[in-house]
Amino acid sequence: MKNYFFCYDKRLRDFLRYEKNIDYICEGRHLKTGMIFTLFERTKKLNQALEEYKNR
């Protein structure tokens, strides 16, 4: 599953979706924890956005 990024953080999800205009594949709920996640495809654009978010 290294070609996908499971995002469980709402602020990060919103940053990726609305500020960086990165489309997601789907949203779901983790079977054991019940936490909601947003699934993104791992791309160069996503990796750059994650680095930018981390360095804020």
N, C-alpha and C. Protein backbone atom coordinates (compact mmCIF):
# COMPACT_ATOMS: atom_id res chain seq x y z
N MET A 1 0.82 -1.21 0.00
CA MET A 1 0.00 0.00 0.00
C MET A 1 0.85 1.27 0.00
N LYS A 2 2.11 1.18 -0.42
CA LYS A 2 2.95 2.36 -0.38
C LYS A 2 2.62 3.37 -1.48
N ASN A 3 1.74 3.02 -2.40
CA ASN A 3 1.32 3.97 -3.43
C ASN A 3 0.13 4.81 -2.99
N TYR A 4 -0.28 4.62 -1.74
CA TYR A 4 -1.44 5.34 -1.21
C TYR A 4 -1.09 5.98 0.13
N PHE A 5 -1.78 7.07 0.43
CA PHE A 5 -1.59 7.76 1.69
C PHE A 5 -2.93 7.84 2.40
N PHE A 6 -3.02 7.23 3.57
CA PHE A 6 -4.22 7.27 4.39
C PHE A 6 -4.10 8.46 5.33
N CYS A 7 -4.98 9.42 5.18
CA CYS A 7 -4.94 10.64 5.98
C CYS A 7 -6.06 10.59 7.02
N TYR A 8 -5.68 10.62 8.29
CA TYR A 8 -6.66 10.60 9.39
C TYR A 8 -6.81 11.97 10.04
N ASP A 9 -6.07 12.96 9.55
CA ASP A 9 -6.06 14.30 10.13
C ASP A 9 -6.92 15.24 9.29
N LYS A 10 -7.97 15.79 9.89
CA LYS A 10 -8.90 16.66 9.15
C LYS A 10 -8.22 17.92 8.63
N ARG A 11 -7.36 18.52 9.44
CA ARG A 11 -6.67 19.74 8.99
C ARG A 11 -5.75 19.46 7.80
N LEU A 12 -5.03 18.35 7.87
CA LEU A 12 -4.16 17.97 6.76
C LEU A 12 -4.98 17.65 5.52
N ARG A 13 -6.07 16.93 5.71
CA ARG A 13 -6.95 16.61 4.58
C ARG A 13 -7.45 17.87 3.89
N ASP A 14 -7.91 18.84 4.70
CA ASP A 14 -8.40 20.09 4.13
C ASP A 14 -7.29 20.85 3.42
N PHE A 15 -6.09 20.85 3.97
CA PHE A 15 -4.95 21.50 3.33
C PHE A 15 -4.69 20.87 1.96
N LEU A 16 -4.67 19.55 1.92
CA LEU A 16 -4.39 18.86 0.65
C LEU A 16 -5.50 19.09 -0.36
N ARG A 17 -6.74 19.02 0.09
CA ARG A 17 -7.88 19.14 -0.83
C ARG A 17 -8.11 20.56 -1.30
N TYR A 18 -8.14 21.51 -0.37
CA TYR A 18 -8.58 22.87 -0.70
C TYR A 18 -7.45 23.84 -1.01
N GLU A 19 -6.32 23.70 -0.33
CA GLU A 19 -5.22 24.62 -0.60
C GLU A 19 -4.33 24.12 -1.73
N LYS A 20 -4.16 22.80 -1.82
CA LYS A 20 -3.29 22.23 -2.85
C LYS A 20 -4.05 21.59 -4.00
N ASN A 21 -5.37 21.58 -3.91
CA ASN A 21 -6.23 21.02 -4.97
C ASN A 21 -5.83 19.61 -5.38
N ILE A 22 -5.56 18.78 -4.39
CA ILE A 22 -5.22 17.38 -4.65
C ILE A 22 -6.48 16.54 -4.45
N ASP A 23 -6.83 15.81 -5.49
CA ASP A 23 -8.02 14.97 -5.42
C ASP A 23 -7.75 13.73 -4.58
N TYR A 24 -8.78 13.25 -3.92
CA TYR A 24 -8.66 12.03 -3.14
C TYR A 24 -9.41 10.91 -3.84
N ILE A 25 -9.09 9.68 -3.47
CA ILE A 25 -9.72 8.51 -4.08
C ILE A 25 -11.05 8.22 -3.41
N CYS A 26 -11.04 8.16 -2.09
CA CYS A 26 -12.27 7.88 -1.36
C CYS A 26 -12.09 8.25 0.10
N GLU A 27 -13.19 8.23 0.82
CA GLU A 27 -13.17 8.38 2.27
C GLU A 27 -13.74 7.10 2.85
N GLY A 28 -13.27 6.74 4.02
CA GLY A 28 -13.74 5.51 4.64
C GLY A 28 -13.57 5.54 6.14
N ARG A 29 -13.89 4.42 6.74
CA ARG A 29 -13.79 4.29 8.19
C ARG A 29 -12.94 3.05 8.50
N HIS A 30 -11.94 3.23 9.35
CA HIS A 30 -11.08 2.12 9.76
C HIS A 30 -11.93 1.10 10.50
N LEU A 31 -11.80 -0.16 10.12
CA LEU A 31 -12.66 -1.21 10.68
C LEU A 31 -12.49 -1.40 12.18
N LYS A 32 -11.25 -1.32 12.67
CA LYS A 32 -11.02 -1.57 14.10
C LYS A 32 -11.22 -0.34 14.97
N THR A 33 -10.75 0.82 14.51
CA THR A 33 -10.80 2.02 15.35
C THR A 33 -12.03 2.87 15.10
N GLY A 34 -12.64 2.73 13.92
CA GLY A 34 -13.79 3.54 13.58
C GLY A 34 -13.44 4.94 13.12
N MET A 35 -12.14 5.24 13.05
CA MET A 35 -11.71 6.58 12.63
C MET A 35 -11.93 6.76 11.13
N ILE A 36 -12.32 7.97 10.76
CA ILE A 36 -12.55 8.28 9.35
C ILE A 36 -11.21 8.68 8.71
N PHE A 37 -10.97 8.18 7.49
CA PHE A 37 -9.76 8.53 6.76
C PHE A 37 -10.12 8.98 5.36
N THR A 38 -9.19 9.70 4.75
CA THR A 38 -9.28 10.08 3.35
C THR A 38 -8.08 9.45 2.65
N LEU A 39 -8.33 8.79 1.54
CA LEU A 39 -7.28 8.06 0.83
C LEU A 39 -6.82 8.86 -0.39
N PHE A 40 -5.52 9.12 -0.44
CA PHE A 40 -4.91 9.84 -1.55
C PHE A 40 -3.92 8.92 -2.26
N GLU A 41 -3.76 9.12 -3.56
CA GLU A 41 -2.72 8.41 -4.29
C GLU A 41 -1.40 9.13 -4.04
N ARG A 42 -0.34 8.36 -3.79
CA ARG A 42 1.00 8.93 -3.57
C ARG A 42 1.55 9.42 -4.90
N THR A 43 1.73 10.72 -4.99
CA THR A 43 2.32 11.33 -6.18
C THR A 43 3.40 12.30 -5.74
N LYS A 44 4.15 12.79 -6.69
CA LYS A 44 5.17 13.79 -6.38
C LYS A 44 4.52 15.04 -5.78
N LYS A 45 3.38 15.45 -6.35
CA LYS A 45 2.66 16.63 -5.86
C LYS A 45 2.21 16.43 -4.42
N LEU A 46 1.69 15.24 -4.11
CA LEU A 46 1.26 14.95 -2.74
C LEU A 46 2.45 14.98 -1.78
N ASN A 47 3.54 14.34 -2.17
CA ASN A 47 4.73 14.31 -1.30
C ASN A 47 5.26 15.71 -1.03
N GLN A 48 5.26 16.57 -2.04
CA GLN A 48 5.71 17.96 -1.86
C GLN A 48 4.77 18.71 -0.92
N ALA A 49 3.47 18.49 -1.06
CA ALA A 49 2.49 19.14 -0.20
C ALA A 49 2.64 18.66 1.25
N LEU A 50 2.91 17.37 1.44
CA LEU A 50 3.11 16.85 2.80
C LEU A 50 4.35 17.47 3.44
N GLU A 51 5.42 17.63 2.68
CA GLU A 51 6.63 18.28 3.19
C GLU A 51 6.34 19.73 3.58
N GLU A 52 5.61 20.42 2.71
CA GLU A 52 5.25 21.81 2.99
C GLU A 52 4.42 21.91 4.27
N TYR A 53 3.46 21.02 4.43
CA TYR A 53 2.60 21.03 5.61
C TYR A 53 3.43 20.75 6.87
N LYS A 54 4.34 19.81 6.76
CA LYS A 54 5.18 19.43 7.90
C LYS A 54 6.08 20.59 8.34
N ASN A 55 6.51 21.41 7.39
CA ASN A 55 7.44 22.51 7.68
C ASN A 55 6.74 23.82 8.02
N ARG A 56 5.44 23.81 8.21
CA ARG A 56 4.69 25.03 8.54
C ARG A 56 5.03 25.51 9.93
